[in-house]
C-alpha atoms as a PDB file:
ATOM      1  CA  MET A   1     -12.918  -0.460  20.411  1.00  0.00           C
ATOM      2  CA  ASP A   2     -12.068   1.080  17.056  1.00  0.00           C
ATOM      3  CA  LEU A   3     -10.971  -1.264  14.259  1.00  0.00           C
ATOM      4  CA  ASP A   4      -7.849   0.878  13.783  1.00  0.00           C
ATOM      5  CA  ASP A   5      -6.796  -0.072  17.311  1.00  0.00           C
ATOM      6  CA  LEU A   6      -6.693  -3.796  16.482  1.00  0.00           C
ATOM      7  CA  PRO A   7      -3.361  -5.343  15.488  1.00  0.00           C
ATOM      8  CA  ARG A   8      -2.866  -5.803  11.775  1.00  0.00           C
ATOM      9  CA  PRO A   9      -3.092  -9.388  10.606  1.00  0.00           C
ATOM     10  CA  LYS A  10       0.228 -10.958   9.679  1.00  0.00           C
ATOM     11  CA  GLY A  11       0.753 -11.753   6.027  1.00  0.00           C
ATOM     12  CA  ASP A  12      -0.919  -9.048   3.978  1.00  0.00           C
ATOM     13  CA  ALA A  13      -2.624  -9.681   0.653  1.00  0.00           C
ATOM     14  CA  ALA A  14       0.480  -8.802  -1.374  1.00  0.00           C
ATOM     15  CA  SER A  15       2.547 -11.379   0.513  1.00  0.00           C
ATOM     16  CA  LYS A  16      -0.080 -14.026  -0.108  1.00  0.00           C
ATOM     17  CA  LEU A  17      -0.207 -13.141  -3.813  1.00  0.00           C
ATOM     18  CA  ALA A  18       3.572 -13.492  -4.040  1.00  0.00           C
ATOM     19  CA  MET A  19       3.337 -17.083  -2.829  1.00  0.00           C
ATOM     20  CA  GLU A  20       0.549 -18.103  -5.219  1.00  0.00           C
ATOM     21  CA  ASP A  21       1.297 -20.696  -7.916  1.00  0.00           C
ATOM     22  CA  LEU A  22       0.919 -18.972 -11.274  1.00  0.00           C
ATOM     23  CA  SER A  23       1.132 -22.079 -13.445  1.00  0.00           C
ATOM     24  CA  PRO A  24      -2.667 -22.599 -13.724  1.00  0.00           C
ATOM     25  CA  TYR A  25      -3.184 -19.140 -15.252  1.00  0.00           C
ATOM     26  CA  SER A  26      -3.412 -18.528 -18.996  1.00  0.00           C
ATOM     27  CA  GLN A  27      -1.417 -15.778 -20.688  1.00  0.00           C
ATOM     28  CA  ASP A  28      -4.547 -13.617 -20.903  1.00  0.00           C
ATOM     29  CA  GLU A  29      -5.244 -14.125 -17.207  1.00  0.00           C
ATOM     30  CA  LEU A  30      -1.653 -13.235 -16.377  1.00  0.00           C
ATOM     31  CA  GLU A  31      -1.883 -10.053 -18.468  1.00  0.00           C
ATOM     32  CA  GLU A  32      -5.085  -9.092 -16.605  1.00  0.00           C
ATOM     33  CA  ARG A  33      -3.341  -9.771 -13.324  1.00  0.00           C
ATOM     34  CA  VAL A  34      -0.357  -7.603 -14.284  1.00  0.00           C
ATOM     35  CA  ALA A  35      -2.686  -4.739 -15.261  1.00  0.00           C
ATOM     36  CA  LEU A  36      -4.535  -5.041 -11.949  1.00  0.00           C
ATOM     37  CA  LEU A  37      -1.291  -5.105  -9.977  1.00  0.00           C
ATOM     38  CA  GLU A  38       0.080  -2.094 -11.880  1.00  0.00           C
ATOM     39  CA  ALA A  39      -3.115  -0.184 -11.060  1.00  0.00           C
ATOM     40  CA  GLU A  40      -2.721  -1.166  -7.403  1.00  0.00           C
ATOM     41  CA  ILE A  41       0.908  -0.010  -7.410  1.00  0.00           C
ATOM     42  CA  ALA A  42      -0.189   3.372  -8.792  1.00  0.00           C
ATOM     43  CA  ARG A  43      -2.894   3.622  -6.102  1.00  0.00           C
ATOM     44  CA  VAL A  44      -0.424   2.801  -3.317  1.00  0.00           C
ATOM     45  CA  LYS A  45       2.151   5.295  -4.644  1.00  0.00           C
ATOM     46  CA  ALA A  46      -0.513   8.021  -4.788  1.00  0.00           C
ATOM     47  CA  HIS A  47      -1.549   7.286  -1.211  1.00  0.00           C
ATOM     48  CA  HIS A  48       2.092   7.236  -0.126  1.00  0.00           C
ATOM     49  CA  GLY A  49       2.566  10.693  -1.616  1.00  0.00           C
ATOM     50  CA  LYS A  50      -0.490  12.028   0.204  1.00  0.00           C
ATOM     51  CA  ALA A  51       0.682  10.462   3.470  1.00  0.00           C
ATOM     52  CA  ALA A  52       4.152  11.959   3.045  1.00  0.00           C
ATOM     53  CA  ALA A  53       2.673  15.413   2.418  1.00  0.00           C
ATOM     54  CA  HIS A  54       0.433  15.049   5.457  1.00  0.00           C
ATOM     55  CA  ARG A  55       3.389  14.004   7.604  1.00  0.00           C
ATOM     56  CA  SER A  56       5.479  16.896   6.319  1.00  0.00           C
ATOM     57  CA  ALA A  57       2.702  19.362   7.132  1.00  0.00           C
ATOM     58  CA  ALA A  58       2.309  17.886  10.614  1.00  0.00           C
ATOM     59  CA  ASP A  59       6.062  18.029  11.216  1.00  0.00           C
ATOM     60  CA  ALA A  60       6.131  21.681  10.126  1.00  0.00           C
ATOM     61  CA  LEU A  61       3.187  22.514  12.387  1.00  0.00           C
ATOM     62  CA  PHE A  62       4.647  20.891  15.478  1.00  0.00           C
ATOM     63  CA  LYS A  63       8.297  21.765  14.852  1.00  0.00           C
ATOM     64  CA  LYS A  64       9.827  23.584  17.770  1.00  0.00           C
ATOM     65  CA  SER A  65      11.287  26.924  16.827  1.00  0.00           C
ATOM     66  CA  ASP A  66      14.780  27.718  18.063  1.00  0.00           C
ATOM     67  CA  PRO A  67      14.993  30.772  20.381  1.00  0.00           C
END
């Protein structure tokens, strides 16, 4: 069985991060965390754009032409 066939676990990493208590972190640690999260947001947006282009190309390829 391929790992892609397994159900995704509930509660992804971003959801778990959103519930984390931030009070123990220093200002420097929080700034590092913000920079890391901003880099992750950029990575996800880039992947989203690639996925959208791939989907658009697939839709165009398999689109039924009207007679």
